[in-house]
């Protein structure tokens, strides 16, 4: 069993924590980025259904991702209805990869 107080274990844990992005620590923001990483675009309504969020909450979380430069949005009209299409930006993809790597390091450090 690994001693959690050894310097190497503490450094490994800290290295994982240092890789976590504060913007992605919210469930909806992380979920949206993971979903967007698997496709070219997703509509707001599809993200809402997949994440089980309200319009207001999802809108606020996507706005934070957009402000951070992690997602891009393209707004258009389809059959006279507005549709917002979201994509993960190259920056968002890189940050997500680093964040997930940090989570993986923490899981390994926990011995799981």
N, C-alpha and C. Protein backbone atom coordinates (compact mmCIF):
# COMPACT_ATOMS: atom_id res chain seq x y z
N UNK A 1 0.84 -1.19 0.00
CA UNK A 1 0.00 0.00 0.00
C UNK A 1 0.88 1.24 0.00
N UNK A 2 0.52 2.20 -0.81
CA UNK A 2 1.29 3.42 -0.94
C UNK A 2 0.99 4.36 0.22
N UNK A 3 2.03 4.97 0.77
CA UNK A 3 1.88 5.93 1.85
C UNK A 3 1.55 7.29 1.24
N UNK A 4 0.37 7.86 1.58
CA UNK A 4 -0.03 9.13 0.96
C UNK A 4 0.81 10.31 1.39
N UNK A 5 1.65 10.11 2.40
CA UNK A 5 2.46 11.22 2.89
C UNK A 5 3.86 11.25 2.32
N UNK A 6 4.20 10.30 1.44
CA UNK A 6 5.53 10.33 0.85
C UNK A 6 5.61 11.46 -0.16
N UNK A 7 6.78 12.07 -0.27
CA UNK A 7 6.92 13.18 -1.21
C UNK A 7 6.57 12.81 -2.65
N UNK A 8 6.90 11.58 -3.09
CA UNK A 8 6.60 11.23 -4.48
C UNK A 8 5.10 11.12 -4.71
N UNK A 9 4.36 10.58 -3.75
CA UNK A 9 2.91 10.48 -3.89
C UNK A 9 2.28 11.86 -3.86
N UNK A 10 2.75 12.72 -2.97
CA UNK A 10 2.21 14.08 -2.89
C UNK A 10 2.50 14.85 -4.17
N UNK A 11 3.69 14.67 -4.72
CA UNK A 11 4.03 15.38 -5.96
C UNK A 11 3.17 14.86 -7.12
N UNK A 12 2.93 13.56 -7.15
CA UNK A 12 2.10 12.99 -8.22
C UNK A 12 0.67 13.52 -8.12
N UNK A 13 0.13 13.59 -6.90
CA UNK A 13 -1.21 14.13 -6.71
C UNK A 13 -1.26 15.60 -7.12
N UNK A 14 -0.26 16.37 -6.71
CA UNK A 14 -0.23 17.79 -7.05
C UNK A 14 -0.12 17.98 -8.55
N UNK A 15 0.65 17.12 -9.22
CA UNK A 15 0.80 17.24 -10.67
C UNK A 15 -0.54 17.02 -11.36
N UNK A 16 -1.32 16.10 -10.87
CA UNK A 16 -2.65 15.87 -11.44
C UNK A 16 -3.56 17.04 -11.19
N UNK A 17 -3.53 17.58 -9.98
CA UNK A 17 -4.38 18.72 -9.64
C UNK A 17 -4.01 19.96 -10.44
N UNK A 18 -2.72 20.14 -10.68
CA UNK A 18 -2.26 21.31 -11.44
C UNK A 18 -2.74 21.27 -12.89
N UNK A 19 -3.09 20.09 -13.38
CA UNK A 19 -3.52 19.96 -14.77
C UNK A 19 -5.02 20.19 -14.94
N UNK A 20 -5.75 20.30 -13.85
CA UNK A 20 -7.19 20.50 -13.93
C UNK A 20 -7.49 21.96 -14.26
N UNK A 21 -8.39 22.16 -15.19
CA UNK A 21 -8.78 23.51 -15.60
C UNK A 21 -9.99 23.95 -14.80
N UNK A 22 -9.94 25.09 -14.13
CA UNK A 22 -11.08 25.55 -13.32
C UNK A 22 -12.37 25.70 -14.11
N UNK A 23 -12.28 26.08 -15.36
CA UNK A 23 -13.49 26.26 -16.17
C UNK A 23 -14.19 24.93 -16.39
N UNK A 24 -13.42 23.85 -16.49
CA UNK A 24 -14.00 22.53 -16.77
C UNK A 24 -14.41 21.77 -15.50
N UNK A 25 -14.29 22.39 -14.36
CA UNK A 25 -14.65 21.69 -13.13
C UNK A 25 -16.15 21.70 -12.84
N UNK A 26 -16.92 22.35 -13.68
CA UNK A 26 -18.37 22.31 -13.56
C UNK A 26 -18.89 21.17 -14.42
N UNK A 27 -19.79 20.38 -13.89
CA UNK A 27 -20.32 19.19 -14.57
C UNK A 27 -20.83 19.49 -15.98
N UNK A 28 -21.61 20.53 -16.13
CA UNK A 28 -22.19 20.84 -17.44
C UNK A 28 -21.15 21.28 -18.44
N UNK A 29 -20.18 22.07 -18.00
CA UNK A 29 -19.14 22.54 -18.92
C UNK A 29 -18.25 21.38 -19.37
N UNK A 30 -17.88 20.52 -18.42
CA UNK A 30 -17.06 19.35 -18.78
C UNK A 30 -17.85 18.43 -19.70
N UNK A 31 -19.10 18.18 -19.35
CA UNK A 31 -19.94 17.31 -20.17
C UNK A 31 -20.11 17.83 -21.59
N UNK A 32 -20.33 19.14 -21.71
CA UNK A 32 -20.49 19.73 -23.04
C UNK A 32 -19.22 19.57 -23.86
N UNK A 33 -18.08 19.80 -23.25
CA UNK A 33 -16.81 19.67 -23.98
C UNK A 33 -16.55 18.22 -24.39
N UNK A 34 -16.84 17.29 -23.51
CA UNK A 34 -16.65 15.87 -23.84
C UNK A 34 -17.56 15.49 -25.01
N UNK A 35 -18.82 15.89 -24.94
CA UNK A 35 -19.75 15.60 -26.04
C UNK A 35 -19.29 16.24 -27.35
N UNK A 36 -18.86 17.49 -27.29
CA UNK A 36 -18.43 18.20 -28.49
C UNK A 36 -17.13 17.64 -29.06
N UNK A 37 -16.34 16.98 -28.22
CA UNK A 37 -15.08 16.41 -28.70
C UNK A 37 -15.29 15.22 -29.62
N UNK A 38 -16.50 14.68 -29.64
CA UNK A 38 -16.78 13.47 -30.43
C UNK A 38 -17.47 13.77 -31.76
N UNK A 39 -17.83 15.03 -31.99
CA UNK A 39 -18.57 15.41 -33.20
C UNK A 39 -18.04 16.74 -33.72
N UNK A 40 -18.48 17.10 -34.93
CA UNK A 40 -18.11 18.41 -35.47
C UNK A 40 -18.92 19.52 -34.81
N UNK A 41 -20.25 19.32 -34.71
CA UNK A 41 -21.13 20.31 -34.10
C UNK A 41 -22.30 19.61 -33.41
N UNK A 42 -22.85 20.29 -32.42
CA UNK A 42 -24.09 19.88 -31.76
C UNK A 42 -24.95 21.10 -31.56
N UNK A 43 -26.24 20.93 -31.71
CA UNK A 43 -27.15 22.05 -31.47
C UNK A 43 -27.36 22.23 -29.97
N UNK A 44 -27.78 23.44 -29.62
CA UNK A 44 -28.10 23.73 -28.23
C UNK A 44 -29.15 22.74 -27.71
N UNK A 45 -30.18 22.48 -28.50
CA UNK A 45 -31.24 21.60 -28.03
C UNK A 45 -30.74 20.17 -27.82
N UNK A 46 -29.81 19.72 -28.66
CA UNK A 46 -29.26 18.37 -28.48
C UNK A 46 -28.37 18.31 -27.24
N UNK A 47 -27.55 19.32 -27.02
CA UNK A 47 -26.74 19.38 -25.80
C UNK A 47 -27.63 19.40 -24.56
N UNK A 48 -28.68 20.17 -24.63
CA UNK A 48 -29.62 20.27 -23.52
C UNK A 48 -30.21 18.90 -23.20
N UNK A 49 -30.63 18.17 -24.21
CA UNK A 49 -31.22 16.84 -24.00
C UNK A 49 -30.18 15.86 -23.45
N UNK A 50 -28.99 15.87 -24.01
CA UNK A 50 -27.95 14.93 -23.58
C UNK A 50 -27.46 15.19 -22.16
N UNK A 51 -27.40 16.47 -21.80
CA UNK A 51 -26.90 16.84 -20.47
C UNK A 51 -28.01 16.95 -19.41
N UNK A 52 -29.26 16.96 -19.86
CA UNK A 52 -30.37 17.07 -18.92
C UNK A 52 -30.39 18.40 -18.19
N UNK A 53 -30.09 19.46 -18.91
CA UNK A 53 -30.03 20.80 -18.33
C UNK A 53 -31.22 21.65 -18.75
N UNK A 54 -31.47 22.70 -17.99
CA UNK A 54 -32.48 23.69 -18.37
C UNK A 54 -31.86 24.64 -19.39
N UNK A 55 -32.71 25.36 -20.12
CA UNK A 55 -32.21 26.34 -21.08
C UNK A 55 -31.29 27.35 -20.41
N UNK A 56 -31.74 27.90 -19.29
CA UNK A 56 -30.99 28.95 -18.61
C UNK A 56 -29.64 28.48 -18.11
N UNK A 57 -29.60 27.30 -17.47
CA UNK A 57 -28.34 26.82 -16.94
C UNK A 57 -27.37 26.47 -18.06
N UNK A 58 -27.85 25.75 -19.07
CA UNK A 58 -26.97 25.38 -20.16
C UNK A 58 -26.47 26.62 -20.91
N UNK A 59 -27.35 27.57 -21.12
CA UNK A 59 -26.94 28.80 -21.79
C UNK A 59 -25.83 29.52 -21.04
N UNK A 60 -25.95 29.58 -19.72
CA UNK A 60 -24.92 30.23 -18.91
C UNK A 60 -23.60 29.48 -18.97
N UNK A 61 -23.67 28.15 -18.93
CA UNK A 61 -22.44 27.35 -18.95
C UNK A 61 -21.77 27.41 -20.32
N UNK A 62 -22.53 27.36 -21.38
CA UNK A 62 -21.95 27.47 -22.72
C UNK A 62 -21.36 28.86 -22.95
N UNK A 63 -21.98 29.87 -22.39
CA UNK A 63 -21.44 31.23 -22.50
C UNK A 63 -20.06 31.31 -21.84
N UNK A 64 -19.91 30.66 -20.68
CA UNK A 64 -18.59 30.66 -20.00
C UNK A 64 -17.55 29.94 -20.85
N UNK A 65 -17.95 28.84 -21.48
CA UNK A 65 -17.02 28.13 -22.36
C UNK A 65 -16.66 28.98 -23.58
N UNK A 66 -17.64 29.70 -24.10
CA UNK A 66 -17.39 30.57 -25.25
C UNK A 66 -16.46 31.72 -24.85
N UNK A 67 -16.70 32.33 -23.69
CA UNK A 67 -15.86 33.43 -23.23
C UNK A 67 -14.43 32.97 -23.00
N UNK A 68 -14.24 31.72 -22.57
CA UNK A 68 -12.91 31.17 -22.35
C UNK A 68 -12.23 30.76 -23.66
N UNK A 69 -12.99 30.77 -24.76
CA UNK A 69 -12.45 30.39 -26.05
C UNK A 69 -12.43 28.88 -26.28
N UNK A 70 -13.19 28.13 -25.48
CA UNK A 70 -13.20 26.67 -25.58
C UNK A 70 -14.22 26.16 -26.59
N UNK A 71 -15.27 26.93 -26.83
CA UNK A 71 -16.26 26.54 -27.83
C UNK A 71 -16.55 27.73 -28.73
N UNK A 72 -17.03 27.41 -29.92
CA UNK A 72 -17.50 28.43 -30.84
C UNK A 72 -18.97 28.16 -31.10
N UNK A 73 -19.70 29.21 -31.42
CA UNK A 73 -21.13 29.06 -31.70
C UNK A 73 -21.44 29.70 -33.05
N UNK A 74 -22.28 29.03 -33.80
CA UNK A 74 -22.76 29.55 -35.08
C UNK A 74 -24.28 29.59 -34.98
N UNK A 75 -24.85 30.79 -35.06
CA UNK A 75 -26.30 30.95 -34.94
C UNK A 75 -26.90 31.14 -36.32
N UNK A 76 -27.93 30.37 -36.61
CA UNK A 76 -28.60 30.48 -37.90
C UNK A 76 -30.09 30.19 -37.72
N UNK A 77 -30.82 30.33 -38.80
CA UNK A 77 -32.25 30.05 -38.77
C UNK A 77 -32.53 28.83 -39.63
N UNK A 78 -33.35 27.94 -39.10
CA UNK A 78 -33.83 26.78 -39.85
C UNK A 78 -35.34 26.78 -39.75
N UNK A 79 -35.99 26.86 -40.90
CA UNK A 79 -37.45 26.93 -40.93
C UNK A 79 -37.96 28.05 -40.02
N UNK A 80 -37.31 29.20 -40.13
CA UNK A 80 -37.68 30.41 -39.40
C UNK A 80 -37.48 30.32 -37.90
N UNK A 81 -36.78 29.30 -37.43
CA UNK A 81 -36.48 29.16 -36.00
C UNK A 81 -34.97 29.31 -35.78
N UNK A 82 -34.59 30.03 -34.73
CA UNK A 82 -33.15 30.16 -34.46
C UNK A 82 -32.57 28.84 -33.93
N UNK A 83 -31.38 28.51 -34.44
CA UNK A 83 -30.66 27.31 -33.99
C UNK A 83 -29.22 27.73 -33.71
N UNK A 84 -28.72 27.35 -32.54
CA UNK A 84 -27.33 27.62 -32.19
C UNK A 84 -26.55 26.31 -32.28
N UNK A 85 -25.49 26.32 -33.09
CA UNK A 85 -24.64 25.16 -33.28
C UNK A 85 -23.31 25.40 -32.56
N UNK A 86 -22.91 24.45 -31.72
CA UNK A 86 -21.69 24.58 -30.93
C UNK A 86 -20.63 23.61 -31.41
N UNK A 87 -19.37 24.08 -31.39
CA UNK A 87 -18.21 23.27 -31.75
C UNK A 87 -17.14 23.48 -30.70
N UNK A 88 -16.33 22.46 -30.50
CA UNK A 88 -15.18 22.58 -29.61
C UNK A 88 -14.04 23.22 -30.40
N UNK A 89 -13.48 24.29 -29.89
CA UNK A 89 -12.39 24.98 -30.58
C UNK A 89 -11.08 24.20 -30.39
N UNK A 90 -10.07 24.49 -31.19
CA UNK A 90 -8.76 23.85 -30.97
C UNK A 90 -8.24 24.10 -29.55
N UNK A 91 -8.44 25.30 -29.03
CA UNK A 91 -8.04 25.59 -27.65
C UNK A 91 -8.81 24.71 -26.69
N UNK A 92 -10.12 24.62 -26.89
CA UNK A 92 -10.95 23.79 -26.03
C UNK A 92 -10.53 22.33 -26.07
N UNK A 93 -10.19 21.85 -27.25
CA UNK A 93 -9.75 20.45 -27.40
C UNK A 93 -8.46 20.22 -26.61
N UNK A 94 -7.51 21.15 -26.71
CA UNK A 94 -6.23 21.01 -25.99
C UNK A 94 -6.44 21.07 -24.48
N UNK A 95 -7.27 22.00 -24.03
CA UNK A 95 -7.54 22.14 -22.60
C UNK A 95 -8.26 20.91 -22.07
N UNK A 96 -9.22 20.39 -22.82
CA UNK A 96 -9.94 19.19 -22.41
C UNK A 96 -8.98 18.01 -22.29
N UNK A 97 -8.10 17.85 -23.25
CA UNK A 97 -7.12 16.75 -23.21
C UNK A 97 -6.25 16.85 -21.96
N UNK A 98 -5.78 18.05 -21.65
CA UNK A 98 -4.95 18.25 -20.46
C UNK A 98 -5.74 17.99 -19.18
N UNK A 99 -6.97 18.46 -19.14
CA UNK A 99 -7.83 18.28 -17.97
C UNK A 99 -8.09 16.79 -17.73
N UNK A 100 -8.44 16.06 -18.78
CA UNK A 100 -8.70 14.63 -18.65
C UNK A 100 -7.43 13.88 -18.26
N UNK A 101 -6.28 14.34 -18.75
CA UNK A 101 -5.00 13.76 -18.33
C UNK A 101 -4.75 13.96 -16.84
N UNK A 102 -5.11 15.13 -16.36
CA UNK A 102 -4.98 15.41 -14.92
C UNK A 102 -5.89 14.52 -14.10
N UNK A 103 -7.12 14.33 -14.57
CA UNK A 103 -8.05 13.43 -13.86
C UNK A 103 -7.51 12.01 -13.85
N UNK A 104 -6.95 11.58 -14.98
CA UNK A 104 -6.38 10.24 -15.07
C UNK A 104 -5.22 10.08 -14.09
N UNK A 105 -4.37 11.09 -14.00
CA UNK A 105 -3.24 11.04 -13.06
C UNK A 105 -3.74 10.94 -11.62
N UNK A 106 -4.78 11.68 -11.30
CA UNK A 106 -5.34 11.61 -9.95
C UNK A 106 -5.93 10.24 -9.64
N UNK A 107 -6.60 9.65 -10.62
CA UNK A 107 -7.17 8.32 -10.45
C UNK A 107 -6.05 7.30 -10.22
N UNK A 108 -4.98 7.39 -11.02
CA UNK A 108 -3.85 6.48 -10.84
C UNK A 108 -3.20 6.68 -9.47
N UNK A 109 -3.07 7.93 -9.05
CA UNK A 109 -2.46 8.21 -7.75
C UNK A 109 -3.30 7.65 -6.60
N UNK A 110 -4.61 7.58 -6.83
CA UNK A 110 -5.49 7.04 -5.80
C UNK A 110 -5.48 5.50 -5.81
N UNK A 111 -4.77 4.92 -6.79
CA UNK A 111 -4.67 3.46 -6.87
C UNK A 111 -5.92 2.80 -7.42
N UNK A 112 -6.66 3.51 -8.22
CA UNK A 112 -7.90 2.96 -8.76
C UNK A 112 -7.77 2.60 -10.21
